[in-house]
């Protein structure tokens, strides 16, 4: 078989964990806040449109969150963190991971102690 007909196998990409997404949002928020001041030094107002145009200059935008691409929700969230931070000049900071629901610490009820359905 000719070498140019060999099918290339794409590199295996991993999914972003929740913590990795939070870190990525922190980074893009900081870049957006930096862009605010860069725009001001260029005598441009950091408007929503101007900041969105600057986000597009970053290139690929949001990193892959599902392995072989990124979901529309993730791309929109990533862009909104940059644009919001760019407009305000302050990095938008993501919330921390929500607490896991509490687990029951009560011991299981034995079958013999459970109330009977028959009188």
Protein backbone atom coordinates (compact mmCIF):
# COMPACT_ATOMS: atom_id res chain seq x y z
CA UNK A 1 0.00 0.00 0.00
CA UNK A 2 1.26 3.46 -0.82
CA UNK A 3 2.19 5.61 2.15
CA UNK A 4 -0.12 8.48 1.15
CA UNK A 5 -3.10 6.14 1.23
CA UNK A 6 -2.50 5.10 4.80
CA UNK A 7 -5.17 6.47 7.02
CA UNK A 8 -3.82 8.59 9.81
CA UNK A 9 -5.10 7.82 13.24
CA UNK A 10 -5.99 10.93 15.22
CA UNK A 11 -4.30 11.36 18.56
CA UNK A 12 -6.42 10.30 21.47
CA UNK A 13 -7.61 13.37 23.34
CA UNK A 14 -8.94 13.22 26.83
CA UNK A 15 -11.98 14.88 28.26
CA UNK A 16 -11.48 17.86 30.53
CA UNK A 17 -12.30 17.24 34.16
CA UNK A 18 -14.45 19.71 36.05
CA UNK A 19 -11.33 21.08 37.79
CA UNK A 20 -9.53 21.51 34.46
CA UNK A 21 -12.50 23.43 33.07
CA UNK A 22 -12.50 25.74 36.11
CA UNK A 23 -8.77 26.37 35.64
CA UNK A 24 -9.26 27.05 31.93
CA UNK A 25 -12.04 29.54 32.71
CA UNK A 26 -9.77 31.30 35.22
CA UNK A 27 -7.02 31.60 32.60
CA UNK A 28 -9.30 32.91 29.86
CA UNK A 29 -10.83 35.39 32.32
CA UNK A 30 -7.37 36.73 33.10
CA UNK A 31 -6.59 37.03 29.39
CA UNK A 32 -9.84 38.92 28.89
CA UNK A 33 -9.00 41.37 31.68
CA UNK A 34 -5.55 41.90 30.12
CA UNK A 35 -7.21 42.55 26.76
CA UNK A 36 -9.28 45.32 28.41
CA UNK A 37 -6.16 47.31 29.21
CA UNK A 38 -4.51 46.55 25.89
CA UNK A 39 -7.55 47.95 24.09
CA UNK A 40 -7.40 51.08 26.23
CA UNK A 41 -3.73 51.61 25.31
CA UNK A 42 -4.82 51.44 21.66
CA UNK A 43 -7.46 54.15 22.33
CA UNK A 44 -10.25 51.63 21.76
CA UNK A 45 -13.21 51.16 24.04
CA UNK A 46 -13.52 47.60 25.39
CA UNK A 47 -17.06 47.05 24.13
CA UNK A 48 -18.78 43.71 23.75
CA UNK A 49 -18.16 43.72 19.98
CA UNK A 50 -14.51 44.76 20.32
CA UNK A 51 -13.86 42.11 22.97
CA UNK A 52 -15.60 39.42 20.91
CA UNK A 53 -13.40 40.34 17.94
CA UNK A 54 -10.33 40.04 20.18
CA UNK A 55 -11.47 36.64 21.41
CA UNK A 56 -11.59 35.44 17.82
CA UNK A 57 -7.98 36.56 17.39
CA UNK A 58 -6.93 33.96 19.96
CA UNK A 59 -7.24 31.28 17.31
CA UNK A 60 -8.82 28.00 18.27
CA UNK A 61 -10.80 29.45 21.15
CA UNK A 62 -12.01 26.93 23.69
CA UNK A 63 -9.96 23.79 24.21
CA UNK A 64 -11.57 20.44 23.60
CA UNK A 65 -13.79 19.41 26.48
CA UNK A 66 -15.14 16.12 25.16
CA UNK A 67 -12.06 14.55 23.65
CA UNK A 68 -12.38 15.13 19.91
CA UNK A 69 -13.94 18.58 19.97
CA UNK A 70 -15.90 20.88 22.17
CA UNK A 71 -19.57 21.30 22.90
CA UNK A 72 -21.38 24.50 21.91
CA UNK A 73 -22.15 25.16 25.58
CA UNK A 74 -18.46 24.95 26.52
CA UNK A 75 -17.40 27.19 23.61
CA UNK A 76 -20.04 29.78 24.57
CA UNK A 77 -19.04 29.68 28.23
CA UNK A 78 -15.34 30.00 27.39
CA UNK A 79 -16.01 32.98 25.13
CA UNK A 80 -18.32 34.66 27.66
CA UNK A 81 -15.61 34.50 30.35
CA UNK A 82 -13.17 36.26 28.02
CA UNK A 83 -15.63 38.87 26.77
CA UNK A 84 -17.09 39.65 30.22
CA UNK A 85 -13.59 40.07 31.65
CA UNK A 86 -12.49 42.17 28.69
CA UNK A 87 -15.45 44.55 28.99
CA UNK A 88 -15.11 45.05 32.76
CA UNK A 89 -11.34 44.84 33.12
CA UNK A 90 -11.73 42.36 35.97
CA UNK A 91 -11.25 38.61 35.51
CA UNK A 92 -14.49 36.71 35.73
CA UNK A 93 -13.90 33.98 38.28
CA UNK A 94 -15.75 30.67 38.06
CA UNK A 95 -17.59 29.28 41.04
CA UNK A 96 -15.88 26.53 42.92
CA UNK A 97 -17.04 22.99 42.52
CA UNK A 98 -20.39 22.40 44.21
CA UNK A 99 -20.33 20.20 47.28
CA UNK A 100 -21.28 16.60 46.81
CA UNK A 101 -24.71 15.75 48.21
CA UNK A 102 -24.53 14.47 51.79
CA UNK A 103 -24.54 10.75 52.20
CA UNK A 104 -26.70 9.07 54.77
CA UNK A 105 -24.77 7.93 57.83
CA UNK A 106 -27.70 6.05 59.36
CA UNK A 107 -27.18 2.30 59.43
CA UNK A 108 -29.44 0.29 57.13
CA UNK A 109 -32.60 -1.03 58.70
CA UNK A 110 -32.62 -4.83 58.98
CA UNK A 111 -35.45 -6.58 57.13
CA UNK A 112 -36.81 -8.05 60.40
CA UNK A 113 -37.12 -4.58 61.95
CA UNK A 114 -38.95 -3.08 59.00
CA UNK A 115 -42.68 -2.56 59.55
CA UNK A 116 -44.82 -5.27 58.10
CA UNK A 117 -47.44 -4.49 55.49
CA UNK A 118 -49.77 -7.16 56.95
CA UNK A 119 -51.69 -6.48 60.20
